[in-house]
Amino acid sequence: MDDKKQVSVDLKYAHIGKDVSLLTFPGEALSRLGLPIKHEMDGKYKLFVGLANASYGYFIPSDEFGKIPGRNTEEMFSMDKYAADEIKQAIDLKLKKSNEPSSLGDGYSKGDH
């Protein structure tokens, strides 16, 4: 966490040949987060690689956070209620802007919510 109480994460998006696209993700994305991101990726074969470059816990969509009885572990080991929404927004912007191999930069920065 930096002096602004933000956490920067490393995301990578790359193409392997003409048919494969790969996205690295720094934690565990629940299906409602990971599947829509994977759908937006180009390439015949889409690889969404979780727990890559870091492990920042679970990323849960905010509208699902704390709503499922008995699911305490994921919320306990999540950065923030809004982390999934913000990282998805950052990824969506980058995927829509470019189909070329690139780094997605810092990605999610956790601010005060």
Protein backbone atom coordinates (compact mmCIF):
# COMPACT_ATOMS: atom_id res chain seq x y z
CA MET A 1 0.00 0.00 0.00
CA ASP A 2 1.44 3.35 -0.96
CA ASP A 3 1.21 6.67 0.90
CA LYS A 4 -2.18 7.33 -0.76
CA LYS A 5 -3.46 4.01 0.65
CA GLN A 6 -3.61 2.55 -2.84
CA VAL A 7 -2.49 -0.85 -4.08
CA SER A 8 -1.25 -1.18 -7.65
CA VAL A 9 -1.59 -4.52 -9.36
CA ASP A 10 0.21 -5.89 -12.41
CA LEU A 11 -1.99 -7.08 -15.28
CA LYS A 12 -0.67 -8.41 -18.57
CA TYR A 13 -2.56 -9.03 -21.79
CA ALA A 14 -0.81 -10.78 -24.66
CA HIS A 15 -1.41 -12.69 -27.84
CA ILE A 16 0.33 -15.96 -28.59
CA GLY A 17 0.29 -16.48 -32.32
CA LYS A 18 -2.94 -15.53 -34.06
CA ASP A 19 -5.35 -17.70 -32.08
CA VAL A 20 -4.48 -17.34 -28.40
CA SER A 21 -5.01 -14.41 -26.06
CA LEU A 22 -3.83 -14.47 -22.45
CA LEU A 23 -4.66 -12.24 -19.50
CA THR A 24 -2.88 -12.49 -16.16
CA PHE A 25 -4.91 -11.61 -13.07
CA PRO A 26 -3.49 -10.97 -9.57
CA GLY A 27 -5.93 -13.01 -7.51
CA GLU A 28 -8.95 -15.25 -7.69
CA ALA A 29 -11.78 -13.85 -9.78
CA LEU A 30 -15.20 -15.29 -9.08
CA SER A 31 -17.02 -16.56 -12.18
CA ARG A 32 -19.30 -13.51 -12.48
CA LEU A 33 -16.16 -11.40 -12.85
CA GLY A 34 -13.82 -13.67 -14.80
CA LEU A 35 -16.21 -15.02 -17.44
CA PRO A 36 -17.33 -11.60 -18.76
CA ILE A 37 -13.68 -10.48 -18.97
CA LYS A 38 -12.78 -13.67 -20.82
CA HIS A 39 -15.70 -13.07 -23.21
CA GLU A 40 -14.29 -9.61 -24.10
CA MET A 41 -10.86 -11.02 -24.95
CA ASP A 42 -10.10 -11.67 -28.60
CA GLY A 43 -8.59 -14.82 -30.02
CA LYS A 44 -10.03 -18.25 -30.69
CA TYR A 45 -8.54 -19.56 -27.44
CA LYS A 46 -8.75 -17.32 -24.37
CA LEU A 47 -6.64 -17.93 -21.29
CA PHE A 48 -7.55 -16.13 -18.07
CA VAL A 49 -4.73 -16.91 -15.65
CA GLY A 50 -5.54 -16.16 -12.02
CA LEU A 51 -3.04 -15.82 -9.18
CA ALA A 52 -0.49 -14.50 -11.66
CA ASN A 53 2.13 -11.90 -10.68
CA ALA A 54 0.54 -11.59 -7.22
CA SER A 55 -2.16 -12.91 -4.94
CA TYR A 56 -4.42 -10.14 -3.73
CA GLY A 57 -7.18 -12.48 -2.61
CA TYR A 58 -10.66 -12.86 -3.99
CA PHE A 59 -12.29 -10.40 -6.39
CA ILE A 60 -16.06 -10.43 -5.84
CA PRO A 61 -18.51 -8.20 -7.74
CA SER A 62 -19.82 -5.58 -5.29
CA ASP A 63 -23.46 -6.53 -5.81
CA GLU A 64 -22.60 -10.07 -4.68
CA PHE A 65 -20.29 -9.10 -1.81
CA GLY A 66 -21.66 -10.34 1.53
CA LYS A 67 -24.90 -11.63 -0.02
CA ILE A 68 -24.31 -15.38 -0.05
CA PRO A 69 -24.93 -17.02 3.35
CA GLY A 70 -22.00 -19.06 4.58
CA ARG A 71 -19.50 -17.54 2.15
CA ASN A 72 -17.20 -15.80 4.60
CA THR A 73 -13.76 -16.82 3.40
CA GLU A 74 -13.92 -14.96 0.09
CA GLU A 75 -15.08 -11.71 1.68
CA MET A 76 -12.53 -12.00 4.49
CA PHE A 77 -9.69 -12.42 1.99
CA SER A 78 -10.83 -9.73 -0.43
CA MET A 79 -9.07 -6.38 -0.74
CA ASP A 80 -12.26 -4.36 -0.78
CA LYS A 81 -15.95 -4.57 -1.66
CA TYR A 82 -15.31 -2.58 -4.87
CA ALA A 83 -11.99 -4.11 -5.97
CA ALA A 84 -13.60 -6.45 -8.52
CA ASP A 85 -15.71 -3.70 -10.08
CA GLU A 86 -12.74 -1.36 -10.42
CA ILE A 87 -10.33 -3.91 -11.83
CA LYS A 88 -12.96 -5.08 -14.34
CA GLN A 89 -13.50 -1.50 -15.45
CA ALA A 90 -9.75 -1.01 -15.98
CA ILE A 91 -9.46 -4.27 -17.93
CA ASP A 92 -12.53 -3.53 -20.08
CA LEU A 93 -11.14 -0.14 -21.09
CA LYS A 94 -7.83 -1.63 -22.16
CA LEU A 95 -9.36 -4.59 -24.00
CA LYS A 96 -11.65 -2.30 -25.98
CA LYS A 97 -8.82 0.09 -26.90
CA SER A 98 -6.38 -2.44 -28.23
CA ASN A 99 -6.20 -5.88 -29.74
CA GLU A 100 -2.42 -5.69 -29.84
CA PRO A 101 -0.20 -7.37 -27.21
CA SER A 102 0.38 -4.89 -24.42
CA SER A 103 0.74 -4.36 -20.73
CA LEU A 104 -2.42 -3.19 -19.01
CA GLY A 105 -0.35 -1.09 -16.64
CA ASP A 106 -1.14 -0.66 -12.99
CA GLY A 107 -4.77 -1.76 -13.19
CA TYR A 108 -6.68 -1.42 -9.95
CA SER A 109 -5.75 1.13 -7.34
CA LYS A 110 -7.60 0.67 -4.07
CA GLY A 111 -8.70 4.01 -2.73
CA ASP A 112 -10.90 4.89 0.20
CA HIS A 113 -14.51 3.71 -0.37
